[in-house]
Amino acid sequence: SGIPVITEEGKGYSIMEGYHLPPVLF
């Protein structure tokens, strides 16, 4: 579906840095 999921072998999944632009910064 175009979601930039990154598979790290032996570790798990992450999502590409910068994919989500937060409307709020903490």
PDB file of all heavy atoms in Angstrom:
ATOM      1  N   SER A   1       0.812  -1.218   0.000  1.00  0.00           N
ATOM      2  CA  SER A   1       0.000   0.000   0.000  1.00  0.00           C
ATOM      3  C   SER A   1       0.845   1.267   0.000  1.00  0.00           C
ATOM      4  O   SER A   1       0.305   2.380   0.022  1.00  0.00           O
ATOM      5  CB  SER A   1      -0.921   0.010   1.230  1.00  0.00           C
ATOM      6  OG  SER A   1      -1.782  -1.114   1.223  1.00  0.00           O
ATOM      7  N   GLY A   2       2.156   1.094  -0.019  1.00  0.00           N
ATOM      8  CA  GLY A   2       3.038   2.253  -0.078  1.00  0.00           C
ATOM      9  C   GLY A   2       3.549   2.742   1.264  1.00  0.00           C
ATOM     10  O   GLY A   2       4.236   3.771   1.334  1.00  0.00           O
ATOM     11  N   ILE A   3       3.223   2.032   2.356  1.00  0.00           N
ATOM     12  CA  ILE A   3       3.738   2.409   3.677  1.00  0.00           C
ATOM     13  C   ILE A   3       5.196   1.958   3.755  1.00  0.00           C
ATOM     14  O   ILE A   3       5.488   0.770   3.566  1.00  0.00           O
ATOM     15  CB  ILE A   3       2.927   1.761   4.811  1.00  0.00           C
ATOM     16  CG1 ILE A   3       1.436   2.053   4.647  1.00  0.00           C
ATOM     17  CG2 ILE A   3       3.440   2.235   6.166  1.00  0.00           C
ATOM     18  CD1 ILE A   3       1.079   3.510   4.720  1.00  0.00           C
ATOM     19  N   PRO A   4       6.133   2.872   4.014  1.00  0.00           N
ATOM     20  CA  PRO A   4       7.564   2.512   3.986  1.00  0.00           C
ATOM     21  C   PRO A   4       8.012   1.768   5.250  1.00  0.00           C
ATOM     22  O   PRO A   4       8.719   2.310   6.113  1.00  0.00           O
ATOM     23  CB  PRO A   4       8.249   3.875   3.872  1.00  0.00           C
ATOM     24  CG  PRO A   4       7.321   4.822   4.556  1.00  0.00           C
ATOM     25  CD  PRO A   4       5.931   4.314   4.260  1.00  0.00           C
ATOM     26  N   VAL A   5       7.577   0.493   5.354  1.00  0.00           N
ATOM     27  CA  VAL A   5       7.975  -0.340   6.492  1.00  0.00           C
ATOM     28  C   VAL A   5       9.351  -0.930   6.202  1.00  0.00           C
ATOM     29  O   VAL A   5       9.593  -1.489   5.131  1.00  0.00           O
ATOM     30  CB  VAL A   5       6.952  -1.475   6.736  1.00  0.00           C
ATOM     31  CG1 VAL A   5       7.406  -2.360   7.898  1.00  0.00           C
ATOM     32  CG2 VAL A   5       5.567  -0.889   7.005  1.00  0.00           C
ATOM     33  N   ILE A   6      10.248  -0.810   7.165  1.00  0.00           N
ATOM     34  CA  ILE A   6      11.612  -1.337   7.016  1.00  0.00           C
ATOM     35  C   ILE A   6      11.746  -2.587   7.881  1.00  0.00           C
ATOM     36  O   ILE A   6      11.433  -2.575   9.067  1.00  0.00           O
ATOM     37  CB  ILE A   6      12.658  -0.294   7.447  1.00  0.00           C
ATOM     38  CG1 ILE A   6      12.542   0.952   6.565  1.00  0.00           C
ATOM     39  CG2 ILE A   6      14.064  -0.869   7.396  1.00  0.00           C
ATOM     40  CD1 ILE A   6      13.388   2.113   7.047  1.00  0.00           C
ATOM     41  N   THR A   7      12.202  -3.682   7.260  1.00  0.00           N
ATOM     42  CA  THR A   7      12.419  -4.931   7.986  1.00  0.00           C
ATOM     43  C   THR A   7      13.895  -5.045   8.354  1.00  0.00           C
ATOM     44  O   THR A   7      14.769  -5.007   7.485  1.00  0.00           O
ATOM     45  CB  THR A   7      12.015  -6.148   7.136  1.00  0.00           C
ATOM     46  OG1 THR A   7      10.634  -6.023   6.763  1.00  0.00           O
ATOM     47  CG2 THR A   7      12.222  -7.442   7.906  1.00  0.00           C
ATOM     48  N   GLU A   8      14.164  -5.176   9.638  1.00  0.00           N
ATOM     49  CA  GLU A   8      15.528  -5.367  10.118  1.00  0.00           C
ATOM     50  C   GLU A   8      15.657  -6.813  10.565  1.00  0.00           C
ATOM     51  O   GLU A   8      15.085  -7.217  11.582  1.00  0.00           O
ATOM     52  CB  GLU A   8      15.852  -4.405  11.264  1.00  0.00           C
ATOM     53  CG  GLU A   8      15.787  -2.947  10.853  1.00  0.00           C
ATOM     54  CD  GLU A   8      16.257  -2.014  11.949  1.00  0.00           C
ATOM     55  OE1 GLU A   8      17.136  -2.435  12.744  1.00  0.00           O
ATOM     56  OE2 GLU A   8      15.752  -0.878  12.014  1.00  0.00           O
ATOM     57  N   GLU A   9      16.379  -7.615   9.797  1.00  0.00           N
ATOM     58  CA  GLU A   9      16.480  -9.051  10.040  1.00  0.00           C
ATOM     59  C   GLU A   9      16.938  -9.327  11.471  1.00  0.00           C
ATOM     60  O   GLU A   9      17.921  -8.778  11.951  1.00  0.00           O
ATOM     61  CB  GLU A   9      17.461  -9.687   9.049  1.00  0.00           C
ATOM     62  CG  GLU A   9      17.001  -9.652   7.598  1.00  0.00           C
ATOM     63  CD  GLU A   9      15.718 -10.445   7.381  1.00  0.00           C
ATOM     64  OE1 GLU A   9      15.473 -11.397   8.152  1.00  0.00           O
ATOM     65  OE2 GLU A   9      14.962 -10.106   6.449  1.00  0.00           O
ATOM     66  N   GLY A  10      16.190 -10.201  12.140  1.00  0.00           N
ATOM     67  CA  GLY A  10      16.544 -10.594  13.494  1.00  0.00           C
ATOM     68  C   GLY A  10      16.144  -9.590  14.556  1.00  0.00           C
ATOM     69  O   GLY A  10      16.343  -9.836  15.752  1.00  0.00           O
ATOM     70  N   LYS A  11      15.592  -8.444  14.145  1.00  0.00           N
ATOM     71  CA  LYS A  11      15.220  -7.413  15.115  1.00  0.00           C
ATOM     72  C   LYS A  11      13.728  -7.091  15.068  1.00  0.00           C
ATOM     73  O   LYS A  11      13.049  -7.123  16.088  1.00  0.00           O
ATOM     74  CB  LYS A  11      16.033  -6.142  14.866  1.00  0.00           C
ATOM     75  CG  LYS A  11      17.524  -6.290  15.157  1.00  0.00           C
ATOM     76  CD  LYS A  11      18.242  -4.968  14.973  1.00  0.00           C
ATOM     77  CE  LYS A  11      19.725  -5.090  15.295  1.00  0.00           C
ATOM     78  NZ  LYS A  11      20.429  -3.795  15.134  1.00  0.00           N
ATOM     79  N   GLY A  12      13.220  -6.787  13.902  1.00  0.00           N
ATOM     80  CA  GLY A  12      11.810  -6.443  13.808  1.00  0.00           C
ATOM     81  C   GLY A  12      11.550  -5.433  12.711  1.00  0.00           C
ATOM     82  O   GLY A  12      12.256  -5.407  11.694  1.00  0.00           O
ATOM     83  N   TYR A  13      10.534  -4.600  12.913  1.00  0.00           N
ATOM     84  CA  TYR A  13      10.101  -3.650  11.899  1.00  0.00           C
ATOM     85  C   TYR A  13      10.206  -2.220  12.420  1.00  0.00           C
ATOM     86  O   TYR A  13      10.063  -1.946  13.612  1.00  0.00           O
ATOM     87  CB  TYR A  13       8.646  -3.913  11.502  1.00  0.00           C
ATOM     88  CG  TYR A  13       8.383  -5.307  11.007  1.00  0.00           C
ATOM     89  CD1 TYR A  13       7.712  -6.233  11.807  1.00  0.00           C
ATOM     90  CD2 TYR A  13       8.803  -5.703   9.739  1.00  0.00           C
ATOM     91  CE1 TYR A  13       7.477  -7.520  11.363  1.00  0.00           C
ATOM     92  CE2 TYR A  13       8.571  -6.996   9.280  1.00  0.00           C
ATOM     93  CZ  TYR A  13       7.909  -7.900  10.096  1.00  0.00           C
ATOM     94  OH  TYR A  13       7.681  -9.172   9.650  1.00  0.00           O
ATOM     95  N   SER A  14      10.415  -1.320  11.496  1.00  0.00           N
ATOM     96  CA  SER A  14      10.380   0.110  11.808  1.00  0.00           C
ATOM     97  C   SER A  14       9.754   0.810  10.619  1.00  0.00           C
ATOM     98  O   SER A  14       9.460   0.188   9.595  1.00  0.00           O
ATOM     99  CB  SER A  14      11.796   0.648  12.081  1.00  0.00           C
ATOM    100  OG  SER A  14      12.616   0.487  10.932  1.00  0.00           O
ATOM    101  N   ILE A  15       9.542   2.109  10.765  1.00  0.00           N
ATOM    102  CA  ILE A  15       8.976   2.869   9.660  1.00  0.00           C
ATOM    103  C   ILE A  15       9.999   3.918   9.237  1.00  0.00           C
ATOM    104  O   ILE A  15      10.758   4.426  10.067  1.00  0.00           O
ATOM    105  CB  ILE A  15       7.639   3.511  10.074  1.00  0.00           C
ATOM    106  CG1 ILE A  15       6.788   3.836   8.847  1.00  0.00           C
ATOM    107  CG2 ILE A  15       7.827   4.715  10.964  1.00  0.00           C
ATOM    108  CD1 ILE A  15       5.323   3.959   9.126  1.00  0.00           C
ATOM    109  N   MET A  16      10.054   4.186   7.958  1.00  0.00           N
ATOM    110  CA  MET A  16      11.089   5.068   7.426  1.00  0.00           C
ATOM    111  C   MET A  16      11.071   6.430   8.125  1.00  0.00           C
ATOM    112  O   MET A  16      10.019   7.034   8.307  1.00  0.00           O
ATOM    113  CB  MET A  16      10.881   5.268   5.915  1.00  0.00           C
ATOM    114  CG  MET A  16      11.955   6.138   5.259  1.00  0.00           C
ATOM    115  SD  MET A  16      11.638   6.357   3.475  1.00  0.00           S
ATOM    116  CE  MET A  16      11.858   4.668   2.901  1.00  0.00           C
ATOM    117  N   GLU A  17      12.254   6.876   8.523  1.00  0.00           N
ATOM    118  CA  GLU A  17      12.387   8.165   9.185  1.00  0.00           C
ATOM    119  C   GLU A  17      11.870   9.278   8.268  1.00  0.00           C
ATOM    120  O   GLU A  17      12.180   9.321   7.082  1.00  0.00           O
ATOM    121  CB  GLU A  17      13.850   8.426   9.554  1.00  0.00           C
ATOM    122  CG  GLU A  17      14.053   9.739  10.287  1.00  0.00           C
ATOM    123  CD  GLU A  17      15.492   9.973  10.685  1.00  0.00           C
ATOM    124  OE1 GLU A  17      16.337   9.123  10.358  1.00  0.00           O
ATOM    125  OE2 GLU A  17      15.769  11.000  11.322  1.00  0.00           O
ATOM    126  N   GLY A  18      11.050  10.152   8.851  1.00  0.00           N
ATOM    127  CA  GLY A  18      10.520  11.269   8.088  1.00  0.00           C
ATOM    128  C   GLY A  18       9.207  10.972   7.392  1.00  0.00           C
ATOM    129  O   GLY A  18       8.600  11.874   6.817  1.00  0.00           O
ATOM    130  N   TYR A  19       8.759   9.677   7.433  1.00  0.00           N
ATOM    131  CA  TYR A  19       7.500   9.347   6.756  1.00  0.00           C
ATOM    132  C   TYR A  19       6.338  10.113   7.391  1.00  0.00           C
ATOM    133  O   TYR A  19       5.473  10.618   6.696  1.00  0.00           O
ATOM    134  CB  TYR A  19       7.233   7.846   6.826  1.00  0.00           C
ATOM    135  CG  TYR A  19       5.825   7.477   6.411  1.00  0.00           C
ATOM    136  CD1 TYR A  19       5.432   7.544   5.075  1.00  0.00           C
ATOM    137  CD2 TYR A  19       4.875   7.099   7.370  1.00  0.00           C
ATOM    138  CE1 TYR A  19       4.134   7.229   4.698  1.00  0.00           C
ATOM    139  CE2 TYR A  19       3.587   6.787   6.995  1.00  0.00           C
ATOM    140  CZ  TYR A  19       3.222   6.851   5.660  1.00  0.00           C
ATOM    141  OH  TYR A  19       1.942   6.542   5.305  1.00  0.00           O
ATOM    142  N   HIS A  20       6.339  10.189   8.720  1.00  0.00           N
ATOM    143  CA  HIS A  20       5.249  10.864   9.407  1.00  0.00           C
ATOM    144  C   HIS A  20       5.729  12.215   9.888  1.00  0.00           C
ATOM    145  O   HIS A  20       6.661  12.312  10.666  1.00  0.00           O
ATOM    146  CB  HIS A  20       4.785  10.030  10.603  1.00  0.00           C
ATOM    147  CG  HIS A  20       3.596  10.625  11.319  1.00  0.00           C
ATOM    148  ND1 HIS A  20       2.319  10.471  10.858  1.00  0.00           N
ATOM    149  CD2 HIS A  20       3.516  11.370  12.438  1.00  0.00           C
ATOM    150  CE1 HIS A  20       1.478  11.090  11.674  1.00  0.00           C
ATOM    151  NE2 HIS A  20       2.191  11.651  12.643  1.00  0.00           N
ATOM    152  N   LEU A  21       5.095  13.259   9.417  1.00  0.00           N
ATOM    153  CA  LEU A  21       5.452  14.602   9.855  1.00  0.00           C
ATOM    154  C   LEU A  21       4.522  15.013  10.984  1.00  0.00           C
ATOM    155  O   LEU A  21       3.328  15.251  10.747  1.00  0.00           O
ATOM    156  CB  LEU A  21       5.337  15.592   8.687  1.00  0.00           C
ATOM    157  CG  LEU A  21       6.262  15.301   7.502  1.00  0.00           C
ATOM    158  CD1 LEU A  21       6.014  16.292   6.382  1.00  0.00           C
ATOM    159  CD2 LEU A  21       7.725  15.351   7.946  1.00  0.00           C
ATOM    160  N   PRO A  22       5.007  15.043  12.197  1.00  0.00           N
ATOM    161  CA  PRO A  22       4.131  15.294  13.351  1.00  0.00           C
ATOM    162  C   PRO A  22       3.578  16.706  13.352  1.00  0.00           C
ATOM    163  O   PRO A  22       4.303  17.663  13.133  1.00  0.00           O
ATOM    164  CB  PRO A  22       5.058  15.078  14.556  1.00  0.00           C
ATOM    165  CG  PRO A  22       6.423  15.323  14.020  1.00  0.00           C
ATOM    166  CD  PRO A  22       6.397  14.866  12.586  1.00  0.00           C
ATOM    167  N   PRO A  23       2.272  16.835  13.642  1.00  0.00           N
ATOM    168  CA  PRO A  23       1.681  18.155  13.743  1.00  0.00           C
ATOM    169  C   PRO A  23       2.061  18.854  15.043  1.00  0.00           C
ATOM    170  O   PRO A  23       1.882  20.047  15.181  1.00  0.00           O
ATOM    171  CB  PRO A  23       0.169  17.865  13.715  1.00  0.00           C
ATOM    172  CG  PRO A  23       0.052  16.483  14.258  1.00  0.00           C
ATOM    173  CD  PRO A  23       1.279  15.754  13.813  1.00  0.00           C
ATOM    174  N   VAL A  24       2.540  18.066  16.032  1.00  0.00           N
ATOM    175  CA  VAL A  24       2.940  18.616  17.316  1.00  0.00           C
ATOM    176  C   VAL A  24       4.333  18.125  17.633  1.00  0.00           C
ATOM    177  O   VAL A  24       4.644  16.956  17.435  1.00  0.00           O
ATOM    178  CB  VAL A  24       1.978  18.164  18.440  1.00  0.00           C
ATOM    179  CG1 VAL A  24       2.441  18.708  19.789  1.00  0.00           C
ATOM    180  CG2 VAL A  24       0.555  18.626  18.147  1.00  0.00           C
ATOM    181  N   LEU A  25       5.210  18.991  18.125  1.00  0.00           N
ATOM    182  CA  LEU A  25       6.558  18.603  18.526  1.00  0.00           C
ATOM    183  C   LEU A  25       6.661  18.689  20.043  1.00  0.00           C
ATOM    184  O   LEU A  25       6.334  19.713  20.639  1.00  0.00           O
ATOM    185  CB  LEU A  25       7.604  19.513  17.864  1.00  0.00           C
ATOM    186  CG  LEU A  25       7.716  19.406  16.343  1.00  0.00           C
ATOM    187  CD1 LEU A  25       8.773  20.382  15.832  1.00  0.00           C
ATOM    188  CD2 LEU A  25       8.059  17.983  15.913  1.00  0.00           C
ATOM    189  N   PHE A  26       7.108  17.604  20.664  1.00  0.00           N
ATOM    190  CA  PHE A  26       7.282  17.570  22.103  1.00  0.00           C
ATOM    191  C   PHE A  26       8.722  17.917  22.455  1.00  0.00           C
ATOM    192  O   PHE A  26       9.661  17.520  21.765  1.00  0.00           O
ATOM    193  CB  PHE A  26       6.968  16.171  22.654  1.00  0.00           C
ATOM    194  CG  PHE A  26       5.504  15.822  22.631  1.00  0.00           C
ATOM    195  CD1 PHE A  26       4.933  15.247  21.517  1.00  0.00           C
ATOM    196  CD2 PHE A  26       4.706  16.058  23.740  1.00  0.00           C
ATOM    197  CE1 PHE A  26       3.596  14.915  21.489  1.00  0.00           C
ATOM    198  CE2 PHE A  26       3.367  15.731  23.727  1.00  0.00           C
ATOM    199  CZ  PHE A  26       2.808  15.158  22.614  1.00  0.00           C
TER     200      PHE A  26
END
